[in-house]
Amino acid sequence: MPPRFDLSLSPFGARIEALTEAALEAEAAGFAGVWVYDHLSGASGKAQWVLDPWVSLAAIAVATRALQLGPLVLNTPARHPARIALAAATLQDLSGGRLLLGMGAGAGRDPHGEELDMVGLERLPAPARRSMTVESILAVRALWNNESFSGDHYRLDHPHSFLSPEPTPPIIVGANGPRMVELAADHADGVNLHSHEPDLETLCTVARVRSPRAGFVLSVEAPMTDEWMVGDGRRRLDALGLDRVMYRWNADLGIDAIRHAAATLGLSVGGGRPGAGRTPLP
């Protein structure tokens, strides 16, 4: 099966209306899902502001009918698992079960680390952030089941009356190296990588070998360019056997860029996969 195609919508310097309009166009054009980045300050994207991912996704959930949606990806060390669990369960209810829960270890270096300094959050070393991500995943699932949990970073003491999502959303971990890929394979339901990774093929192989279970999602985010939609970049992605490919969109590209991408990819409405009768990729 060909991969499903998604859009990652940049919240940097954007308005809610722009993201909602982009999501509506994506749904109409046949994309399968949309994702929104998680940041605190526009400085991370060289913009004057950034939108909150949960609020943005809630607006998109209300405006759309079938589009899958999720954060790409939550900075888990900056968010307590209880907040993630409740927000995710609420969005799952609001969207009618369309959530894909993206979680990650955040960043310790500039430019993304700078926003942590601004609000007094510690820049933690990579091993600590990875450990917190694992515990956050386990704690979120424990809260959905109203179960206790004890780790080095988080403790849940006989939690009760927490909202449980229906159905339980898959957790997709954002990764930029082999350790995060292994973390995702061991503890999550999927992994998302970036097309610019020089060892992309190796990382995908690690994910497939480490997590051969059915349903594990392997996705890659790529630029919204013809090279990555029909050129050499696309051929590289096709060779990886991906489950999802997401293309980066920002408001400066305009809505027409979404229509162009859908036509270039040959999407069919209702699935985010190439439609019948289109010219196949050589």
C-alpha atoms as a PDB file:
ATOM      1  CA  MET A   1       0.000   0.000   0.000  1.00  0.00           C
ATOM      2  CA  PRO A   2       1.226   3.525  -0.724  1.00  0.00           C
ATOM      3  CA  PRO A   3       1.654   5.791   2.297  1.00  0.00           C
ATOM      4  CA  ARG A   4      -0.964   8.165   3.598  1.00  0.00           C
ATOM      5  CA  PHE A   5      -0.109  11.801   2.999  1.00  0.00           C
ATOM      6  CA  ASP A   6      -0.420  14.460   5.710  1.00  0.00           C
ATOM      7  CA  LEU A   7       0.439  18.113   6.197  1.00  0.00           C
ATOM      8  CA  SER A   8       2.409  19.588   9.081  1.00  0.00           C
ATOM      9  CA  LEU A   9       1.016  23.091   9.645  1.00  0.00           C
ATOM     10  CA  SER A  10       3.417  25.686  11.025  1.00  0.00           C
ATOM     11  CA  PRO A  11       1.941  27.744  13.900  1.00  0.00           C
ATOM     12  CA  PHE A  12       4.779  30.296  13.733  1.00  0.00           C
ATOM     13  CA  GLY A  13       3.447  33.776  12.972  1.00  0.00           C
ATOM     14  CA  ALA A  14       0.116  32.261  11.893  1.00  0.00           C
ATOM     15  CA  ARG A  15      -3.461  32.878  12.953  1.00  0.00           C
ATOM     16  CA  ILE A  16      -5.934  30.200  13.971  1.00  0.00           C
ATOM     17  CA  GLU A  17      -8.062  31.090  10.946  1.00  0.00           C
ATOM     18  CA  ALA A  18      -5.150  30.372   8.606  1.00  0.00           C
ATOM     19  CA  LEU A  19      -4.475  26.949  10.131  1.00  0.00           C
ATOM     20  CA  THR A  20      -8.161  26.081  10.082  1.00  0.00           C
ATOM     21  CA  GLU A  21      -8.492  27.138   6.448  1.00  0.00           C
ATOM     22  CA  ALA A  22      -5.432  25.065   5.568  1.00  0.00           C
ATOM     23  CA  ALA A  23      -6.887  22.030   7.347  1.00  0.00           C
ATOM     24  CA  LEU A  24     -10.214  22.411   5.565  1.00  0.00           C
ATOM     25  CA  GLU A  25      -8.426  22.609   2.216  1.00  0.00           C
ATOM     26  CA  ALA A  26      -6.284  19.604   3.138  1.00  0.00           C
ATOM     27  CA  GLU A  27      -9.372  17.564   3.940  1.00  0.00           C
ATOM     28  CA  ALA A  28     -11.126  18.628   0.748  1.00  0.00           C
ATOM     29  CA  ALA A  29      -8.023  17.855  -1.315  1.00  0.00           C
ATOM     30  CA  GLY A  30      -7.664  14.332   0.074  1.00  0.00           C
ATOM     31  CA  PHE A  31      -4.905  14.578   2.668  1.00  0.00           C
ATOM     32  CA  ALA A  32      -5.282  12.083   5.511  1.00  0.00           C
ATOM     33  CA  GLY A  33      -4.161  14.208   8.455  1.00  0.00           C
ATOM     34  CA  VAL A  34      -2.641  17.425   9.758  1.00  0.00           C
ATOM     35  CA  TRP A  35      -0.095  18.078  12.474  1.00  0.00           C
ATOM     36  CA  VAL A  36       0.832  21.211  14.467  1.00  0.00           C
ATOM     37  CA  TYR A  37       4.204  21.939  16.093  1.00  0.00           C
ATOM     38  CA  ASP A  38       4.580  22.481  19.859  1.00  0.00           C
ATOM     39  CA  HIS A  39       6.606  25.532  20.893  1.00  0.00           C
ATOM     40  CA  LEU A  40       6.402  28.263  23.514  1.00  0.00           C
ATOM     41  CA  SER A  41       7.898  31.242  21.698  1.00  0.00           C
ATOM     42  CA  GLY A  42       7.894  32.433  18.123  1.00  0.00           C
ATOM     43  CA  ALA A  43      11.655  32.874  18.442  1.00  0.00           C
ATOM     44  CA  SER A  44      12.114  29.157  17.741  1.00  0.00           C
ATOM     45  CA  GLY A  45      10.742  29.753  14.261  1.00  0.00           C
ATOM     46  CA  LYS A  46      12.076  33.293  13.809  1.00  0.00           C
ATOM     47  CA  ALA A  47       8.534  34.647  14.106  1.00  0.00           C
ATOM     48  CA  GLN A  48       6.791  37.208  16.311  1.00  0.00           C
ATOM     49  CA  TRP A  49       4.601  34.576  17.959  1.00  0.00           C
ATOM     50  CA  VAL A  50       3.555  30.940  17.897  1.00  0.00           C
ATOM     51  CA  LEU A  51       0.141  29.349  18.466  1.00  0.00           C
ATOM     52  CA  ASP A  52      -0.621  26.741  21.093  1.00  0.00           C
ATOM     53  CA  PRO A  53      -0.955  23.285  19.494  1.00  0.00           C
ATOM     54  CA  TRP A  54      -3.881  22.048  21.596  1.00  0.00           C
ATOM     55  CA  VAL A  55      -6.011  25.124  20.941  1.00  0.00           C
ATOM     56  CA  SER A  56      -5.105  25.047  17.240  1.00  0.00           C
ATOM     57  CA  LEU A  57      -5.966  21.358  16.962  1.00  0.00           C
ATOM     58  CA  ALA A  58      -9.263  21.885  18.791  1.00  0.00           C
ATOM     59  CA  ALA A  59     -10.243  24.548  16.247  1.00  0.00           C
ATOM     60  CA  ILE A  60      -9.289  22.200  13.420  1.00  0.00           C
ATOM     61  CA  ALA A  61     -11.201  19.320  14.999  1.00  0.00           C
ATOM     62  CA  VAL A  62     -14.375  21.402  15.139  1.00  0.00           C
ATOM     63  CA  ALA A  63     -13.992  22.644  11.552  1.00  0.00           C
ATOM     64  CA  THR A  64     -13.228  19.273   9.920  1.00  0.00           C
ATOM     65  CA  ARG A  65     -15.083  15.971   9.774  1.00  0.00           C
ATOM     66  CA  ALA A  66     -12.700  13.106   8.993  1.00  0.00           C
ATOM     67  CA  LEU A  67      -9.178  14.538   9.024  1.00  0.00           C
ATOM     68  CA  GLN A  68      -6.804  12.921  11.519  1.00  0.00           C
ATOM     69  CA  LEU A  69      -4.850  15.392  13.652  1.00  0.00           C
ATOM     70  CA  GLY A  70      -2.143  15.636  16.249  1.00  0.00           C
ATOM     71  CA  PRO A  71       0.749  17.583  17.774  1.00  0.00           C
ATOM     72  CA  LEU A  72       4.125  17.173  16.065  1.00  0.00           C
ATOM     73  CA  VAL A  73       5.416  16.618  18.630  1.00  0.00           C
ATOM     74  CA  LEU A  74       4.739  17.559  22.235  1.00  0.00           C
ATOM     75  CA  ASN A  75       7.778  18.692  24.203  1.00  0.00           C
ATOM     76  CA  THR A  76       7.140  16.172  26.963  1.00  0.00           C
ATOM     77  CA  PRO A  77       9.817  17.401  29.438  1.00  0.00           C
ATOM     78  CA  ALA A  78       8.019  20.763  29.462  1.00  0.00           C
ATOM     79  CA  ARG A  79       4.557  19.227  29.982  1.00  0.00           C
ATOM     80  CA  HIS A  80       3.410  17.134  32.939  1.00  0.00           C
ATOM     81  CA  PRO A  81       1.897  13.780  31.869  1.00  0.00           C
ATOM     82  CA  ALA A  82      -1.382  14.626  33.612  1.00  0.00           C
ATOM     83  CA  ARG A  83      -1.806  17.672  31.366  1.00  0.00           C
ATOM     84  CA  ILE A  84      -0.965  15.641  28.279  1.00  0.00           C
ATOM     85  CA  ALA A  85      -3.338  12.838  29.245  1.00  0.00           C
ATOM     86  CA  LEU A  86      -6.258  15.168  29.907  1.00  0.00           C
ATOM     87  CA  ALA A  87      -5.731  17.335  26.828  1.00  0.00           C
ATOM     88  CA  ALA A  88      -5.340  14.292  24.597  1.00  0.00           C
ATOM     89  CA  ALA A  89      -8.442  12.572  25.966  1.00  0.00           C
ATOM     90  CA  THR A  90     -10.443  15.789  25.591  1.00  0.00           C
ATOM     91  CA  LEU A  91      -9.314  16.297  21.984  1.00  0.00           C
ATOM     92  CA  GLN A  92     -10.062  12.662  21.210  1.00  0.00           C
ATOM     93  CA  ASP A  93     -13.604  13.225  22.462  1.00  0.00           C
ATOM     94  CA  LEU A  94     -13.970  16.516  20.598  1.00  0.00           C
ATOM     95  CA  SER A  95     -12.679  15.083  17.316  1.00  0.00           C
ATOM     96  CA  GLY A  96     -14.653  11.863  17.462  1.00  0.00           C
ATOM     97  CA  GLY A  97     -11.577   9.658  17.731  1.00  0.00           C
ATOM     98  CA  ARG A  98      -9.226  11.276  15.187  1.00  0.00           C
ATOM     99  CA  LEU A  99      -6.234  12.032  17.408  1.00  0.00           C
ATOM    100  CA  LEU A 100      -2.675  10.904  16.678  1.00  0.00           C
ATOM    101  CA  LEU A 101      -0.670  11.779  19.800  1.00  0.00           C
ATOM    102  CA  GLY A 102       2.820  12.971  18.909  1.00  0.00           C
ATOM    103  CA  MET A 103       5.309  13.063  21.786  1.00  0.00           C
ATOM    104  CA  GLY A 104       9.023  13.810  21.888  1.00  0.00           C
ATOM    105  CA  ALA A 105      12.026  14.649  24.040  1.00  0.00           C
ATOM    106  CA  GLY A 106      12.191  18.341  23.168  1.00  0.00           C
ATOM    107  CA  ALA A 107      15.469  20.156  22.567  1.00  0.00           C
ATOM    108  CA  GLY A 108      18.351  21.280  24.691  1.00  0.00           C
ATOM    109  CA  ARG A 109      20.191  23.413  22.138  1.00  0.00           C
ATOM    110  CA  ASP A 110      19.355  26.663  20.360  1.00  0.00           C
ATOM    111  CA  PRO A 111      17.222  27.809  18.720  1.00  0.00           C
ATOM    112  CA  HIS A 112      14.576  25.687  20.447  1.00  0.00           C
ATOM    113  CA  GLY A 113      16.326  25.628  23.808  1.00  0.00           C
ATOM    114  CA  GLU A 114      16.188  29.418  24.027  1.00  0.00           C
ATOM    115  CA  GLU A 115      12.447  29.391  24.654  1.00  0.00           C
ATOM    116  CA  LEU A 116      13.006  27.273  27.758  1.00  0.00           C
ATOM    117  CA  ASP A 117      15.407  29.876  29.149  1.00  0.00           C
ATOM    118  CA  MET A 118      12.748  32.558  28.668  1.00  0.00           C
ATOM    119  CA  VAL A 119      10.316  30.859  31.051  1.00  0.00           C
ATOM    120  CA  GLY A 120      12.762  29.404  33.549  1.00  0.00           C
ATOM    121  CA  LEU A 121      12.649  25.797  32.373  1.00  0.00           C
ATOM    122  CA  GLU A 122      15.901  23.863  32.630  1.00  0.00           C
ATOM    123  CA  ARG A 123      17.690  22.694  29.511  1.00  0.00           C
ATOM    124  CA  LEU A 124      18.155  19.036  30.329  1.00  0.00           C
ATOM    125  CA  PRO A 125      20.759  16.757  28.733  1.00  0.00           C
ATOM    126  CA  ALA A 126      19.555  14.316  26.103  1.00  0.00           C
ATOM    127  CA  PRO A 127      19.629  11.176  28.331  1.00  0.00           C
ATOM    128  CA  ALA A 128      17.409  12.876  30.921  1.00  0.00           C
ATOM    129  CA  ARG A 129      14.973  14.073  28.261  1.00  0.00           C
ATOM    130  CA  ARG A 130      14.752  10.599  26.756  1.00  0.00           C
ATOM    131  CA  SER A 131      14.125   9.093  30.190  1.00  0.00           C
ATOM    132  CA  MET A 132      11.378  11.649  30.862  1.00  0.00           C
ATOM    133  CA  THR A 133       9.785  10.860  27.498  1.00  0.00           C
ATOM    134  CA  VAL A 134       9.576   7.148  28.282  1.00  0.00           C
ATOM    135  CA  GLU A 135       8.085   7.843  31.698  1.00  0.00           C
ATOM    136  CA  SER A 136       5.671  10.375  30.240  1.00  0.00           C
ATOM    137  CA  ILE A 137       4.364   7.809  27.752  1.00  0.00           C
ATOM    138  CA  LEU A 138       3.926   5.237  30.503  1.00  0.00           C
ATOM    139  CA  ALA A 139       2.322   7.762  32.866  1.00  0.00           C
ATOM    140  CA  VAL A 140      -0.130   9.034  30.237  1.00  0.00           C
ATOM    141  CA  ARG A 141      -1.303   5.500  29.552  1.00  0.00           C
ATOM    142  CA  ALA A 142      -1.534   4.809  33.288  1.00  0.00           C
ATOM    143  CA  LEU A 143      -3.716   7.886  33.798  1.00  0.00           C
ATOM    144  CA  TRP A 144      -6.035   6.825  30.984  1.00  0.00           C
ATOM    145  CA  ASN A 145      -6.481   3.569  32.909  1.00  0.00           C
ATOM    146  CA  ASN A 146      -6.594   5.278  36.335  1.00  0.00           C
ATOM    147  CA  GLU A 147      -3.566   3.289  37.465  1.00  0.00           C
ATOM    148  CA  SER A 148      -0.663   4.192  39.736  1.00  0.00           C
ATOM    149  CA  PHE A 149       2.818   4.776  38.352  1.00  0.00           C
ATOM    150  CA  SER A 150       6.205   5.442  39.936  1.00  0.00           C
ATOM    151  CA  GLY A 151       9.355   6.472  38.120  1.00  0.00           C
ATOM    152  CA  ASP A 152      12.409   8.670  38.506  1.00  0.00           C
ATOM    153  CA  HIS A 153      10.585  11.750  37.200  1.00  0.00           C
ATOM    154  CA  TYR A 154       6.852  11.203  37.727  1.00  0.00           C
ATOM    155  CA  ARG A 155       4.648   9.580  40.337  1.00  0.00           C
ATOM    156  CA  LEU A 156       0.938   8.817  40.135  1.00  0.00           C
ATOM    157  CA  ASP A 157      -0.621   7.850  43.456  1.00  0.00           C
ATOM    158  CA  HIS A 158      -3.888   5.963  42.967  1.00  0.00           C
ATOM    159  CA  PRO A 159      -5.295   8.355  40.338  1.00  0.00           C
ATOM    160  CA  HIS A 160      -9.005   8.170  39.704  1.00  0.00           C
ATOM    161  CA  SER A 161     -11.708   9.954  37.724  1.00  0.00           C
ATOM    162  CA  PHE A 162      -9.376  10.739  34.824  1.00  0.00           C
ATOM    163  CA  LEU A 163     -10.956  10.956  31.383  1.00  0.00           C
ATOM    164  CA  SER A 164     -10.156   7.923  29.217  1.00  0.00           C
ATOM    165  CA  PRO A 165      -9.963   8.480  25.443  1.00  0.00           C
ATOM    166  CA  GLU A 166     -12.102   6.333  23.189  1.00  0.00           C
ATOM    167  CA  PRO A 167     -10.468   4.861  21.260  1.00  0.00           C
ATOM    168  CA  THR A 168      -7.009   5.080  22.769  1.00  0.00           C
ATOM    169  CA  PRO A 169      -4.958   7.203  20.337  1.00  0.00           C
ATOM    170  CA  PRO A 170      -1.690   5.873  18.962  1.00  0.00           C
ATOM    171  CA  ILE A 171       1.424   7.559  20.347  1.00  0.00           C
ATOM    172  CA  ILE A 172       3.895   8.640  17.670  1.00  0.00           C
ATOM    173  CA  VAL A 173       7.357   9.611  18.903  1.00  0.00           C
ATOM    174  CA  GLY A 174       9.404  12.226  17.077  1.00  0.00           C
ATOM    175  CA  ALA A 175      13.002  11.047  16.588  1.00  0.00           C
ATOM    176  CA  ASN A 176      16.221  12.448  15.183  1.00  0.00           C
ATOM    177  CA  GLY A 177      18.626   9.674  16.045  1.00  0.00           C
ATOM    178  CA  PRO A 178      18.896   5.944  16.738  1.00  0.00           C
ATOM    179  CA  ARG A 179      18.272   6.184  20.495  1.00  0.00           C
ATOM    180  CA  MET A 180      14.939   7.946  20.022  1.00  0.00           C
ATOM    181  CA  VAL A 181      14.003   5.474  17.278  1.00  0.00           C
ATOM    182  CA  GLU A 182      14.697   2.612  19.673  1.00  0.00           C
ATOM    183  CA  LEU A 183      12.687   4.389  22.378  1.00  0.00           C
ATOM    184  CA  ALA A 184       9.752   4.728  20.000  1.00  0.00           C
ATOM    185  CA  ALA A 185       9.971   1.106  18.907  1.00  0.00           C
ATOM    186  CA  ASP A 186      10.047  -0.102  22.519  1.00  0.00           C
ATOM    187  CA  HIS A 187       7.376   2.123  24.059  1.00  0.00           C
ATOM    188  CA  ALA A 188       5.217   3.824  21.406  1.00  0.00           C
ATOM    189  CA  ASP A 189       2.988   2.998  18.442  1.00  0.00           C
ATOM    190  CA  GLY A 190       5.051   4.736  15.801  1.00  0.00           C
ATOM    191  CA  VAL A 191       7.944   7.044  14.997  1.00  0.00           C
ATOM    192  CA  ASN A 192       8.293  10.172  12.884  1.00  0.00           C
ATOM    193  CA  LEU A 193      11.594  11.113  11.255  1.00  0.00           C
ATOM    194  CA  HIS A 194      12.832  14.045   9.176  1.00  0.00           C
ATOM    195  CA  SER A 195      13.757  13.762   5.508  1.00  0.00           C
ATOM    196  CA  HIS A 196      16.995  15.698   6.067  1.00  0.00           C
ATOM    197  CA  GLU A 197      18.477  12.938   8.241  1.00  0.00           C
ATOM    198  CA  PRO A 198      21.608  11.663   6.410  1.00  0.00           C
ATOM    199  CA  ASP A 199      21.077   8.178   7.860  1.00  0.00           C
ATOM    200  CA  LEU A 200      17.324   8.097   7.181  1.00  0.00           C
ATOM    201  CA  GLU A 201      17.430   4.633   5.645  1.00  0.00           C
ATOM    202  CA  THR A 202      19.313   3.228   8.638  1.00  0.00           C
ATOM    203  CA  LEU A 203      16.899   4.797  11.113  1.00  0.00           C
ATOM    204  CA  CYS A 204      13.925   3.323   9.268  1.00  0.00           C
ATOM    205  CA  THR A 205      15.559  -0.091   9.291  1.00  0.00           C
ATOM    206  CA  VAL A 206      16.184   0.181  13.038  1.00  0.00           C
ATOM    207  CA  ALA A 207      12.515   1.034  13.581  1.00  0.00           C
ATOM    208  CA  ARG A 208      11.255  -1.859  11.473  1.00  0.00           C
ATOM    209  CA  VAL A 209      13.611  -4.426  13.004  1.00  0.00           C
ATOM    210  CA  ARG A 210      13.180  -3.237  16.587  1.00  0.00           C
ATOM    211  CA  SER A 211       9.382  -3.069  16.323  1.00  0.00           C
ATOM    212  CA  PRO A 212       8.129  -5.666  13.845  1.00  0.00           C
ATOM    213  CA  ARG A 213       4.656  -5.659  15.410  1.00  0.00           C
ATOM    214  CA  ALA A 214       1.682  -4.947  13.183  1.00  0.00           C
ATOM    215  CA  GLY A 215       0.336  -1.429  13.299  1.00  0.00           C
ATOM    216  CA  PHE A 216       3.597   0.329  14.162  1.00  0.00           C
ATOM    217  CA  VAL A 217       3.574   3.585  12.174  1.00  0.00           C
ATOM    218  CA  LEU A 218       6.672   4.748  10.331  1.00  0.00           C
ATOM    219  CA  SER A 219       6.414   8.317   9.024  1.00  0.00           C
ATOM    220  CA  VAL A 220       8.704  10.992   7.618  1.00  0.00           C
ATOM    221  CA  GLU A 221       8.239  14.758   7.398  1.00  0.00           C
ATOM    222  CA  ALA A 222       9.544  16.365   4.198  1.00  0.00           C
ATOM    223  CA  PRO A 223       9.517  19.774   2.476  1.00  0.00           C
ATOM    224  CA  MET A 224       6.551  20.604   0.251  1.00  0.00           C
ATOM    225  CA  THR A 225       8.623  20.714  -2.926  1.00  0.00           C
ATOM    226  CA  ASP A 226       8.348  18.898  -6.231  1.00  0.00           C
ATOM    227  CA  GLU A 227      11.621  17.125  -5.484  1.00  0.00           C
ATOM    228  CA  TRP A 228      10.065  15.444  -2.444  1.00  0.00           C
ATOM    229  CA  MET A 229       6.648  14.943  -4.047  1.00  0.00           C
ATOM    230  CA  VAL A 230       7.587  13.524  -7.485  1.00  0.00           C
ATOM    231  CA  GLY A 231      11.379  13.728  -7.813  1.00  0.00           C
ATOM    232  CA  ASP A 232      14.394  11.985  -6.347  1.00  0.00           C
ATOM    233  CA  GLY A 233      13.314  12.774  -2.800  1.00  0.00           C
ATOM    234  CA  ARG A 234       9.971  11.076  -3.351  1.00  0.00           C
ATOM    235  CA  ARG A 235      11.650   8.028  -4.823  1.00  0.00           C
ATOM    236  CA  ARG A 236      13.836   7.874  -1.732  1.00  0.00           C
ATOM    237  CA  LEU A 237      10.753   7.991   0.487  1.00  0.00           C
ATOM    238  CA  ASP A 238       8.952   5.326  -1.536  1.00  0.00           C
ATOM    239  CA  ALA A 239      11.913   2.975  -1.118  1.00  0.00           C
ATOM    240  CA  LEU A 240      11.508   3.179   2.677  1.00  0.00           C
ATOM    241  CA  GLY A 241       8.058   1.564   2.755  1.00  0.00           C
ATOM    242  CA  LEU A 242       6.572   4.341   4.875  1.00  0.00           C
ATOM    243  CA  ASP A 243       3.093   4.345   6.384  1.00  0.00           C
ATOM    244  CA  ARG A 244       2.737   8.146   6.335  1.00  0.00           C
ATOM    245  CA  VAL A 245       4.508  11.071   4.686  1.00  0.00           C
ATOM    246  CA  MET A 246       3.828  14.601   5.916  1.00  0.00           C
ATOM    247  CA  TYR A 247       4.686  17.731   3.969  1.00  0.00           C
ATOM    248  CA  ARG A 248       5.544  21.006   5.699  1.00  0.00           C
ATOM    249  CA  TRP A 249       3.202  23.940   5.075  1.00  0.00           C
ATOM    250  CA  ASN A 250       3.246  27.493   6.383  1.00  0.00           C
ATOM    251  CA  ALA A 251       0.924  30.417   5.804  1.00  0.00           C
ATOM    252  CA  ASP A 252       3.417  32.152   3.481  1.00  0.00           C
ATOM    253  CA  LEU A 253       2.978  29.309   0.975  1.00  0.00           C
ATOM    254  CA  GLY A 254      -0.752  30.017   0.688  1.00  0.00           C
ATOM    255  CA  ILE A 255      -3.709  27.720   0.189  1.00  0.00           C
ATOM    256  CA  ASP A 256      -2.877  27.171  -3.484  1.00  0.00           C
ATOM    257  CA  ALA A 257       0.232  25.275  -2.402  1.00  0.00           C
ATOM    258  CA  ILE A 258      -1.994  22.668  -0.744  1.00  0.00           C
ATOM    259  CA  ARG A 259      -4.033  22.261  -3.924  1.00  0.00           C
ATOM    260  CA  HIS A 260      -0.855  21.974  -5.976  1.00  0.00           C
ATOM    261  CA  ALA A 261       0.557  19.367  -3.609  1.00  0.00           C
ATOM    262  CA  ALA A 262      -2.624  17.299  -3.718  1.00  0.00           C
ATOM    263  CA  ALA A 263      -2.649  17.374  -7.521  1.00  0.00           C
ATOM    264  CA  THR A 264       1.054  16.556  -7.707  1.00  0.00           C
ATOM    265  CA  LEU A 265       0.646  13.619  -5.330  1.00  0.00           C
ATOM    266  CA  GLY A 266      -2.486  12.440  -7.137  1.00  0.00           C
ATOM    267  CA  LEU A 267      -4.599  12.307  -4.005  1.00  0.00           C
ATOM    268  CA  SER A 268      -8.110  10.971  -3.899  1.00  0.00           C
ATOM    269  CA  VAL A 269     -10.622  12.480  -1.497  1.00  0.00           C
ATOM    270  CA  GLY A 270     -11.219  10.413   1.620  1.00  0.00           C
ATOM    271  CA  GLY A 271      -7.978   8.586   2.146  1.00  0.00           C
ATOM    272  CA  GLY A 272      -4.864  10.609   1.606  1.00  0.00           C
ATOM    273  CA  ARG A 273      -3.587   8.032  -0.867  1.00  0.00           C
ATOM    274  CA  PRO A 274      -2.952   8.367  -4.601  1.00  0.00           C
ATOM    275  CA  GLY A 275      -6.197   8.081  -6.546  1.00  0.00           C
ATOM    276  CA  ALA A 276      -7.076   5.604  -9.248  1.00  0.00           C
ATOM    277  CA  GLY A 277      -6.398   6.615 -12.819  1.00  0.00           C
ATOM    278  CA  ARG A 278      -3.471   8.866 -11.954  1.00  0.00           C
ATOM    279  CA  THR A 279      -0.127   8.523 -13.649  1.00  0.00           C
ATOM    280  CA  PRO A 280       2.026   6.422 -11.321  1.00  0.00           C
ATOM    281  CA  LEU A 281       5.373   7.659 -10.116  1.00  0.00           C
ATOM    282  CA  PRO A 282       8.122   6.392 -12.420  1.00  0.00           C
END
